[in-house]
Protein backbone atom coordinates (compact mmCIF):
# COMPACT_ATOMS: atom_id res chain seq x y z
CA MET A 1 96.91 109.48 102.78
CA ALA A 2 93.56 108.78 101.13
CA LEU A 3 92.23 105.36 102.05
CA GLY A 4 89.84 104.94 99.13
CA ARG A 5 86.10 105.08 98.81
CA VAL A 6 83.81 102.50 100.44
CA LEU A 7 80.38 101.20 99.50
CA VAL A 8 78.21 99.67 102.21
CA VAL A 9 75.53 97.31 100.86
CA GLY A 10 72.68 96.24 103.11
CA LEU A 11 68.98 95.64 103.44
CA ASP A 12 66.73 98.65 103.77
CA PRO A 13 65.20 98.18 107.24
CA ALA A 14 62.19 100.29 106.27
CA MET A 15 61.31 97.70 103.62
CA ILE A 16 61.23 94.67 105.91
CA PRO A 17 57.61 93.88 106.83
CA GLY A 18 56.87 93.76 110.55
CA TRP A 19 60.26 95.22 111.47
CA ASP A 20 60.86 98.28 113.67
CA ALA A 21 63.20 100.08 111.29
CA GLU A 22 64.00 103.10 113.45
CA PRO A 23 66.69 101.54 115.71
CA VAL A 24 68.42 99.99 112.70
CA LYS A 25 68.24 103.24 110.72
CA ALA A 26 69.77 105.08 113.68
CA ALA A 27 72.58 102.50 113.91
CA ILE A 28 73.25 102.82 110.17
CA THR A 29 73.46 106.61 110.53
CA ARG A 30 75.94 106.27 113.41
CA GLY A 31 77.95 103.75 111.43
CA GLN A 32 78.13 105.96 108.35
CA ALA A 33 79.25 108.90 110.51
CA ARG A 34 82.22 106.83 111.70
CA PHE A 35 83.59 106.77 108.15
CA GLY A 36 83.86 110.56 108.35
CA ASP A 37 85.73 110.24 111.64
CA HIS A 38 88.38 108.28 109.73
CA GLY A 39 88.40 110.58 106.71
CA ILE A 40 86.87 107.90 104.49
CA GLU A 41 84.32 108.68 101.82
CA ALA A 42 81.53 106.11 102.03
CA ASP A 43 78.34 105.54 100.09
CA LEU A 44 75.35 103.53 101.20
CA CYS A 45 73.27 101.17 99.09
CA LEU A 46 70.22 99.90 100.96
CA VAL A 47 68.01 97.55 98.99
CA ALA A 48 64.60 95.98 99.36
CA LEU A 49 64.31 92.28 98.65
CA ASP A 50 62.46 92.63 95.38
CA GLU A 51 63.14 92.14 91.71
CA ASN A 52 65.19 95.36 91.58
CA ALA A 53 67.68 94.57 94.38
CA GLU A 54 70.43 93.22 92.13
CA GLY A 55 70.04 96.08 89.65
CA ALA A 56 70.28 98.64 92.44
CA ILE A 57 73.48 97.00 93.70
CA VAL A 58 75.03 96.93 90.22
CA GLU A 59 74.12 100.59 89.75
CA ALA A 60 75.78 101.50 93.05
CA LEU A 61 78.89 99.41 92.32
CA THR A 62 79.43 101.03 88.94
CA ARG A 63 78.70 104.62 90.00
CA LYS A 64 82.17 105.17 91.50
CA ASP A 65 85.49 103.42 91.96
CA TYR A 66 85.44 101.59 95.30
CA ALA A 67 88.44 100.36 97.26
CA CYS A 68 86.22 98.27 99.53
CA VAL A 69 82.64 97.01 99.63
CA VAL A 70 81.14 96.16 103.03
CA ILE A 71 78.29 93.65 102.90
CA GLY A 72 75.94 93.99 105.85
CA GLY A 73 74.80 91.32 108.23
CA GLY A 74 71.16 91.58 107.20
CA ILE A 75 72.17 90.07 103.88
CA ARG A 76 74.70 87.59 105.28
CA LYS A 77 73.24 86.30 108.51
CA HIS A 78 69.69 85.31 107.59
CA GLU A 79 69.95 81.76 106.21
CA PRO A 80 67.03 82.10 103.76
CA LEU A 81 69.05 84.86 102.06
CA LEU A 82 72.10 82.66 101.40
CA GLU A 83 71.54 82.62 97.63
CA PHE A 84 71.07 86.41 97.59
CA PHE A 85 74.26 86.82 99.64
CA GLU A 86 76.16 84.73 97.09
CA LYS A 87 74.76 86.90 94.29
CA VAL A 88 75.88 90.06 96.08
CA VAL A 89 79.43 88.72 96.54
CA ASN A 90 79.60 87.78 92.87
CA LEU A 91 78.18 91.14 91.77
CA VAL A 92 80.99 92.82 93.70
CA ARG A 93 83.56 90.55 92.08
CA GLN A 94 82.13 91.27 88.64
CA HIS A 95 81.44 95.01 88.85
CA ALA A 96 84.11 96.16 91.32
CA PRO A 97 86.88 93.59 90.82
CA GLY A 98 89.53 95.79 92.43
CA ALA A 99 87.53 96.28 95.63
CA ALA A 100 88.20 94.36 98.80
CA ILE A 101 85.13 92.70 100.31
CA ALA A 102 84.51 93.18 104.03
CA PHE A 103 81.82 92.13 106.47
CA ASN A 104 80.56 94.11 109.42
CA SER A 105 79.14 92.65 112.61
CA SER A 106 76.65 95.50 113.08
CA PRO A 107 75.66 98.65 111.18
CA GLU A 108 77.83 100.67 113.54
CA ASP A 109 81.14 98.94 112.77
CA SER A 110 81.14 99.14 108.97
CA ALA A 111 84.08 101.58 109.09
CA ASP A 112 86.08 99.11 111.19
CA ALA A 113 85.33 96.34 108.69
CA ALA A 114 86.51 98.50 105.80
CA LEU A 115 89.60 99.67 107.65
CA ARG A 116 90.81 96.09 107.98
CA TRP A 117 91.27 96.12 104.20
CA LEU A 118 92.09 99.76 103.47
CA ARG A 119 95.27 100.01 105.53
């Protein structure tokens, strides 16, 4: 039984000034590998907080048909990004209206977040 394709949307750790991106990039890689363990096709959309972030997200959302979109904690948990988080949720609703929206607690459990809605 195919569970449907997933898009994970998050901040690109390499584009955050003063941030050690390597541990986060490694966690993202481990998290993406877990989708394969469950037989789920998953794409990754990492954005920088610049004028092109929303466009990059729309492009990713419209590239394929997604059953679920996981929005990462880097976007959700940092209070100054609340307005951006709201925009991301509404972009998903607009451009992937059939997709469930899920939230991970770390880059490594994105597959678990998606599975809550794909089963």
